[in-house]
Amino acid sequence: MQILLWVQQHLSNFYRGYARNPRMMGQDIILCKNNLEKY
């Protein structure tokens, strides 16, 4: 169940970061995808 917690945490960070800097969004999606592929 730790992956669920991680995803939830990541999503909240993601939205907060996106509000500040939309250009970072693309990089964050790529990072998120790479992390998910490890599981």
N, C-alpha and C. Protein backbone atom coordinates (compact mmCIF):
# COMPACT_ATOMS: atom_id res chain seq x y z
N MET A 1 0.82 -1.21 0.00
CA MET A 1 0.00 0.00 0.00
C MET A 1 0.86 1.27 0.00
N GLN A 2 2.14 1.12 0.18
CA GLN A 2 3.02 2.30 0.24
C GLN A 2 3.03 3.07 -1.08
N ILE A 3 2.84 2.36 -2.18
CA ILE A 3 2.82 3.03 -3.49
C ILE A 3 1.66 4.01 -3.56
N LEU A 4 0.52 3.64 -2.98
CA LEU A 4 -0.64 4.55 -2.98
C LEU A 4 -0.33 5.83 -2.23
N LEU A 5 0.29 5.67 -1.08
CA LEU A 5 0.67 6.83 -0.28
C LEU A 5 1.63 7.71 -1.06
N TRP A 6 2.58 7.07 -1.73
CA TRP A 6 3.57 7.82 -2.51
C TRP A 6 2.90 8.60 -3.63
N VAL A 7 1.97 7.94 -4.33
CA VAL A 7 1.28 8.61 -5.44
C VAL A 7 0.48 9.80 -4.93
N GLN A 8 -0.22 9.60 -3.82
CA GLN A 8 -1.02 10.68 -3.25
C GLN A 8 -0.14 11.87 -2.88
N GLN A 9 0.98 11.59 -2.25
CA GLN A 9 1.92 12.63 -1.85
C GLN A 9 2.48 13.34 -3.08
N HIS A 10 2.82 12.55 -4.08
CA HIS A 10 3.40 13.11 -5.29
C HIS A 10 2.40 14.01 -6.00
N LEU A 11 1.14 13.57 -6.04
CA LEU A 11 0.12 14.37 -6.71
C LEU A 11 -0.09 15.71 -6.02
N SER A 12 -0.10 15.73 -4.70
CA SER A 12 -0.29 17.00 -4.01
C SER A 12 0.90 17.93 -4.26
N ASN A 13 2.10 17.38 -4.25
CA ASN A 13 3.29 18.19 -4.58
C ASN A 13 3.21 18.69 -6.01
N PHE A 14 2.73 17.81 -6.88
CA PHE A 14 2.62 18.12 -8.30
C PHE A 14 1.70 19.32 -8.53
N TYR A 15 0.53 19.29 -7.90
CA TYR A 15 -0.41 20.39 -8.11
C TYR A 15 0.10 21.68 -7.51
N ARG A 16 0.75 21.58 -6.36
CA ARG A 16 1.31 22.78 -5.73
C ARG A 16 2.40 23.37 -6.62
N GLY A 17 3.25 22.51 -7.14
CA GLY A 17 4.33 22.95 -8.01
C GLY A 17 3.81 23.53 -9.32
N TYR A 18 2.74 22.92 -9.83
CA TYR A 18 2.19 23.38 -11.09
C TYR A 18 1.59 24.77 -10.95
N ALA A 19 0.98 25.04 -9.81
CA ALA A 19 0.41 26.37 -9.56
C ALA A 19 1.51 27.42 -9.62
N ARG A 20 2.70 27.05 -9.15
CA ARG A 20 3.83 27.99 -9.14
C ARG A 20 4.50 28.08 -10.50
N ASN A 21 4.66 26.95 -11.16
CA ASN A 21 5.51 26.94 -12.36
C ASN A 21 5.01 25.92 -13.39
N PRO A 22 4.09 26.32 -14.25
CA PRO A 22 3.50 25.39 -15.24
C PRO A 22 4.53 24.73 -16.15
N ARG A 23 5.65 25.39 -16.39
CA ARG A 23 6.62 24.82 -17.32
C ARG A 23 7.28 23.57 -16.75
N MET A 24 7.30 23.46 -15.44
CA MET A 24 7.89 22.28 -14.80
C MET A 24 7.00 21.04 -14.97
N MET A 25 5.76 21.26 -15.34
CA MET A 25 4.79 20.17 -15.37
C MET A 25 5.24 19.02 -16.26
N GLY A 26 5.73 19.33 -17.45
CA GLY A 26 6.16 18.28 -18.37
C GLY A 26 7.25 17.42 -17.77
N GLN A 27 8.23 18.05 -17.14
CA GLN A 27 9.33 17.30 -16.52
C GLN A 27 8.80 16.43 -15.40
N ASP A 28 7.84 16.96 -14.64
CA ASP A 28 7.32 16.22 -13.50
C ASP A 28 6.56 14.99 -13.95
N ILE A 29 5.83 15.12 -15.05
CA ILE A 29 5.10 13.97 -15.58
C ILE A 29 6.08 12.87 -15.98
N ILE A 30 7.17 13.26 -16.62
CA ILE A 30 8.19 12.29 -17.04
C ILE A 30 8.81 11.61 -15.81
N LEU A 31 9.13 12.39 -14.80
CA LEU A 31 9.69 11.84 -13.56
C LEU A 31 8.72 10.86 -12.94
N CYS A 32 7.47 11.24 -12.88
CA CYS A 32 6.44 10.41 -12.26
C CYS A 32 6.32 9.09 -13.02
N LYS A 33 6.32 9.16 -14.35
CA LYS A 33 6.20 7.97 -15.17
C LYS A 33 7.40 7.05 -14.94
N ASN A 34 8.59 7.62 -14.89
CA ASN A 34 9.79 6.81 -14.66
C ASN A 34 9.74 6.12 -13.31
N ASN A 35 9.27 6.84 -12.28
CA ASN A 35 9.17 6.24 -10.96
C ASN A 35 8.15 5.12 -10.93
N LEU A 36 7.02 5.32 -11.59
CA LEU A 36 5.98 4.29 -11.59
C LEU A 36 6.45 3.03 -12.31
N GLU A 37 7.29 3.19 -13.32
CA GLU A 37 7.76 2.03 -14.07
C GLU A 37 8.69 1.15 -13.24
N LYS A 38 9.22 1.68 -12.15
CA LYS A 38 10.11 0.88 -11.29
C LYS A 38 9.32 -0.17 -10.50
N TYR A 39 8.03 0.10 -10.28
CA TYR A 39 7.25 -0.80 -9.43
C TYR A 39 6.68 -1.96 -10.24
